[in-house]
Amino acid sequence: MRLNADFSRRAVVRPDDYHWIESPVSGVERMMLDRVGDEVARATSLVRYAPDSTFPVHEHGGGEEILVLSGEFGDEHGRYPAGYYLRNPIGSRHAPRVGAEGATIFVKLHQFDPEDDVQLALDTRTAPWRPGRVEGVEVMPLHAFADERVRLERWASHTRGGERGLPGGAEYLVLEGCLHDADGAYPAGSWLRLPAGSRHAPFSEALGALLYVKSGHLPPT
């Protein structure tokens, strides 16, 4: 399967575009954002777990990055309510299980550098915010390795970010509010991927925005 697999092109998925697909495991559905491969794939997805569902134990052959969006995700290592950011490096294993609330997660698979071996469970509800480079933007760093940077950004209303150069590309997942740029508006739940070498001038309007942002990780065009 190849879905949004041309990394030299801009890709956008908004909530109106969602199409949930059942996974091979009962009670687990996926909304695929990009994918290269079949059941084992380089993939970026939203995954929705029904209440009291489980997923078989599996090894992360290419690493796994998770942001818990709603409910409470869990495994044999712990419980992770909405707001947790998780990294499971190449070679790690777990067996996800979800309680009575169910859970929705944002997950990226098979996208780790082999040298990036950090295992992480970070509660973003209590982690500190820092002033960003632009007035009206606060930043919460989540992870950094080589050129890759992962962070949350909190934009106040009516903030102009200025034009950003993206030598290694960028991805945005809008968690709250609405992000804007010259090409349109991206309400909560929207995913936007911009190729390496592009430039971007995002801004917020009255709603402000809370964003997951990953940059510096995409292949050169």
Protein backbone atom coordinates (compact mmCIF):
# COMPACT_ATOMS: atom_id res chain seq x y z
CA MET A 1 0.00 0.00 0.00
CA ARG A 2 1.16 3.52 -0.79
CA LEU A 3 -0.79 6.40 0.75
CA ASN A 4 0.56 9.97 0.72
CA ALA A 5 3.82 8.20 -0.06
CA ASP A 6 5.39 10.91 -2.26
CA PHE A 7 7.37 12.82 0.36
CA SER A 8 8.24 15.53 -2.15
CA ARG A 9 4.61 16.70 -2.10
CA ARG A 10 2.50 18.51 0.47
CA ALA A 11 -0.14 16.28 2.12
CA VAL A 12 -3.21 17.35 4.11
CA VAL A 13 -5.89 15.35 5.94
CA ARG A 14 -8.71 17.16 7.74
CA PRO A 15 -11.35 15.57 10.00
CA ASP A 16 -13.90 15.66 7.14
CA ASP A 17 -11.52 13.33 5.25
CA TYR A 18 -11.40 10.67 7.96
CA HIS A 19 -12.18 7.13 6.92
CA TRP A 20 -11.70 4.64 9.74
CA ILE A 21 -10.64 1.13 8.72
CA GLU A 22 -10.80 -1.95 10.92
CA SER A 23 -7.42 -3.42 11.78
CA PRO A 24 -6.84 -7.20 11.85
CA VAL A 25 -7.52 -7.00 15.62
CA SER A 26 -11.12 -6.67 16.81
CA GLY A 27 -11.87 -3.38 18.53
CA VAL A 28 -8.98 -1.48 16.92
CA GLU A 29 -9.55 0.92 13.99
CA ARG A 30 -7.09 3.02 12.00
CA MET A 31 -7.28 6.27 10.11
CA MET A 32 -4.23 6.12 7.84
CA LEU A 33 -2.46 9.42 7.15
CA ASP A 34 0.55 8.14 5.25
CA ARG A 35 1.75 4.62 4.61
CA VAL A 36 4.42 2.75 2.67
CA GLY A 37 3.90 -1.00 3.03
CA ASP A 38 1.19 -3.43 3.97
CA GLU A 39 0.55 -4.71 7.52
CA VAL A 40 4.20 -4.03 8.42
CA ALA A 41 4.75 -0.51 7.11
CA ARG A 42 6.32 2.87 7.50
CA ALA A 43 3.12 4.51 8.69
CA THR A 44 1.58 7.56 10.29
CA SER A 45 -1.94 6.93 11.62
CA LEU A 46 -4.64 7.73 14.09
CA VAL A 47 -5.59 4.55 15.96
CA ARG A 48 -8.85 4.18 17.88
CA TYR A 49 -9.18 1.50 20.56
CA ALA A 50 -12.64 0.44 21.74
CA PRO A 51 -13.16 0.17 25.52
CA ASP A 52 -11.49 -2.88 27.09
CA SER A 53 -9.66 -3.79 23.89
CA THR A 54 -6.18 -5.29 23.56
CA PHE A 55 -3.54 -5.68 20.88
CA PRO A 56 -1.17 -8.68 20.66
CA VAL A 57 2.38 -8.39 21.88
CA HIS A 58 4.63 -7.13 19.10
CA GLU A 59 8.18 -5.96 18.53
CA HIS A 60 8.93 -2.52 17.12
CA GLY A 61 11.11 -3.35 14.16
CA GLY A 62 11.45 0.30 13.17
CA GLY A 63 10.45 2.07 16.38
CA GLU A 64 7.12 3.49 17.53
CA GLU A 65 6.20 7.07 18.47
CA ILE A 66 2.83 7.75 20.16
CA LEU A 67 0.87 10.78 21.36
CA VAL A 68 -2.21 9.81 23.39
CA LEU A 69 -5.07 12.02 22.21
CA SER A 70 -8.01 10.79 24.28
CA GLY A 71 -8.92 8.15 26.84
CA GLU A 72 -6.13 6.09 28.41
CA PHE A 73 -3.65 3.93 26.55
CA GLY A 74 -1.74 1.23 28.43
CA ASP A 75 0.53 -1.78 28.27
CA GLU A 76 2.42 -4.02 30.68
CA HIS A 77 4.73 -1.11 31.51
CA GLY A 78 2.15 1.45 32.63
CA ARG A 79 -0.97 3.51 32.04
CA TYR A 80 -0.85 6.60 29.85
CA PRO A 81 -3.79 9.04 29.91
CA ALA A 82 -4.42 11.63 27.20
CA GLY A 83 -1.43 13.94 26.92
CA TYR A 84 1.30 11.31 27.24
CA TYR A 85 4.06 11.23 24.63
CA LEU A 86 5.72 7.81 24.20
CA ARG A 87 8.76 6.56 22.30
CA ASN A 88 9.47 2.83 21.96
CA PRO A 89 12.80 2.31 20.16
CA ILE A 90 13.76 -0.34 17.65
CA GLY A 91 13.70 -3.78 19.25
CA SER A 92 11.36 -2.89 22.12
CA ARG A 93 8.19 -4.94 22.71
CA HIS A 94 4.81 -4.43 24.36
CA ALA A 95 1.20 -5.63 24.43
CA PRO A 96 -1.21 -2.65 24.38
CA ARG A 97 -4.35 -2.85 26.48
CA VAL A 98 -7.01 -0.21 26.97
CA GLY A 99 -9.50 0.21 29.80
CA ALA A 100 -13.13 1.24 30.02
CA GLU A 101 -12.56 4.68 28.46
CA GLY A 102 -11.09 3.39 25.23
CA ALA A 103 -8.33 5.48 23.66
CA THR A 104 -7.33 7.33 20.50
CA ILE A 105 -3.64 7.72 19.72
CA PHE A 106 -1.50 9.35 17.03
CA VAL A 107 1.21 6.86 16.09
CA LYS A 108 4.25 6.80 13.80
CA LEU A 109 5.85 3.45 12.95
CA HIS A 110 9.16 2.45 11.34
CA GLN A 111 10.53 6.00 11.34
CA PHE A 112 13.36 5.79 13.91
CA ASP A 113 17.03 6.27 13.18
CA PRO A 114 18.75 3.02 14.28
CA GLU A 115 20.96 5.07 16.64
CA ASP A 116 17.97 6.74 18.31
CA ASP A 117 17.43 4.35 21.22
CA VAL A 118 15.68 6.61 23.76
CA GLN A 119 12.66 5.04 25.49
CA LEU A 120 10.36 7.74 26.79
CA ALA A 121 7.04 8.24 28.57
CA LEU A 122 6.49 11.98 29.04
CA ASP A 123 3.37 13.50 30.59
CA THR A 124 2.85 16.73 28.63
CA ARG A 125 0.17 17.83 31.09
CA THR A 126 2.87 18.61 33.65
CA ALA A 127 5.99 19.23 31.51
CA PRO A 128 7.12 22.88 31.33
CA TRP A 129 6.48 25.30 28.48
CA ARG A 130 9.19 27.62 27.15
CA PRO A 131 8.92 30.90 25.25
CA GLY A 132 9.15 30.33 21.51
CA ARG A 133 11.07 32.35 18.97
CA VAL A 134 7.87 34.17 17.97
CA GLU A 135 5.85 36.31 20.35
CA GLY A 136 2.59 34.51 21.17
CA VAL A 137 4.07 31.00 20.71
CA GLU A 138 5.11 28.71 23.57
CA VAL A 139 7.08 25.50 22.98
CA MET A 140 7.35 22.19 24.84
CA PRO A 141 10.27 20.13 23.52
CA LEU A 142 9.50 16.40 23.46
CA HIS A 143 12.48 14.79 21.71
CA ALA A 144 15.49 15.61 19.58
CA PHE A 145 17.91 13.41 17.67
CA ALA A 146 20.27 14.52 14.89
CA ASP A 147 18.20 16.93 12.75
CA GLU A 148 14.83 15.68 14.03
CA ARG A 149 12.90 17.85 16.50
CA VAL A 150 9.57 16.93 18.12
CA ARG A 151 7.62 19.45 20.19
CA LEU A 152 4.28 20.86 21.15
CA GLU A 153 3.56 24.46 20.17
CA ARG A 154 0.85 26.57 21.84
CA TRP A 155 -0.22 29.56 19.76
CA ALA A 156 -2.12 32.46 21.25
CA SER A 157 -4.95 33.92 19.21
CA HIS A 158 -4.03 36.19 16.29
CA THR A 159 -0.37 35.16 16.16
CA ARG A 160 1.73 35.44 13.02
CA GLY A 161 4.57 32.96 12.90
CA GLY A 162 6.51 34.52 10.05
CA GLU A 163 7.94 32.44 7.23
CA ARG A 164 9.84 29.30 8.25
CA GLY A 165 12.37 27.47 6.14
CA LEU A 166 11.99 23.69 6.42
CA PRO A 167 15.19 22.07 5.11
CA GLY A 168 14.12 18.70 6.56
CA GLY A 169 10.36 19.13 6.13
CA ALA A 170 7.72 19.23 8.87
CA GLU A 171 4.51 17.62 10.07
CA TYR A 172 1.74 19.26 12.09
CA LEU A 173 -1.12 17.62 13.96
CA VAL A 174 -3.62 20.21 15.19
CA LEU A 175 -4.69 19.19 18.68
CA GLU A 176 -6.85 22.20 19.59
CA GLY A 177 -8.01 25.38 17.90
CA CYS A 178 -7.18 26.00 14.24
CA LEU A 179 -3.95 26.56 12.30
CA HIS A 180 -3.94 28.70 9.16
CA ASP A 181 -1.61 29.38 6.25
CA ALA A 182 -1.88 30.82 2.75
CA ASP A 183 -3.46 27.59 1.50
CA GLY A 184 -6.28 27.28 4.02
CA ALA A 185 -7.42 26.47 7.53
CA TYR A 186 -6.66 23.32 9.52
CA PRO A 187 -9.10 22.72 12.40
CA ALA A 188 -8.45 20.41 15.35
CA GLY A 189 -7.75 16.89 14.08
CA SER A 190 -6.04 18.07 10.89
CA TRP A 191 -2.68 16.64 9.79
CA LEU A 192 -0.35 18.55 7.48
CA ARG A 193 2.96 17.34 6.03
CA LEU A 194 5.32 19.71 4.21
CA PRO A 195 8.27 18.40 2.16
CA ALA A 196 11.94 19.05 2.78
CA GLY A 197 13.07 22.35 1.32
CA SER A 198 9.67 24.02 1.53
CA ARG A 199 8.83 27.30 3.26
CA HIS A 200 5.81 27.89 5.45
CA ALA A 201 4.17 30.91 7.06
CA PRO A 202 1.59 29.60 9.56
CA PHE A 203 -0.63 31.80 11.71
CA SER A 204 -3.52 31.59 14.14
CA GLU A 205 -6.81 33.44 14.29
CA ALA A 206 -9.26 33.88 17.17
CA LEU A 207 -9.17 30.24 18.33
CA GLY A 208 -5.41 30.04 18.72
CA ALA A 209 -3.92 26.55 18.28
CA LEU A 210 -2.22 23.69 20.10
CA LEU A 211 0.03 21.71 17.76
CA TYR A 212 2.18 18.60 17.66
CA VAL A 213 5.11 19.52 15.40
CA LYS A 214 7.84 17.28 14.03
CA SER A 215 10.55 18.74 11.80
CA GLY A 216 13.86 17.86 10.19
CA HIS A 217 12.96 14.19 9.62
CA LEU A 218 11.79 13.97 6.00
CA PRO A 219 14.00 12.86 3.09
CA PRO A 220 15.37 15.51 0.73
CA THR A 221 13.26 16.04 -2.38
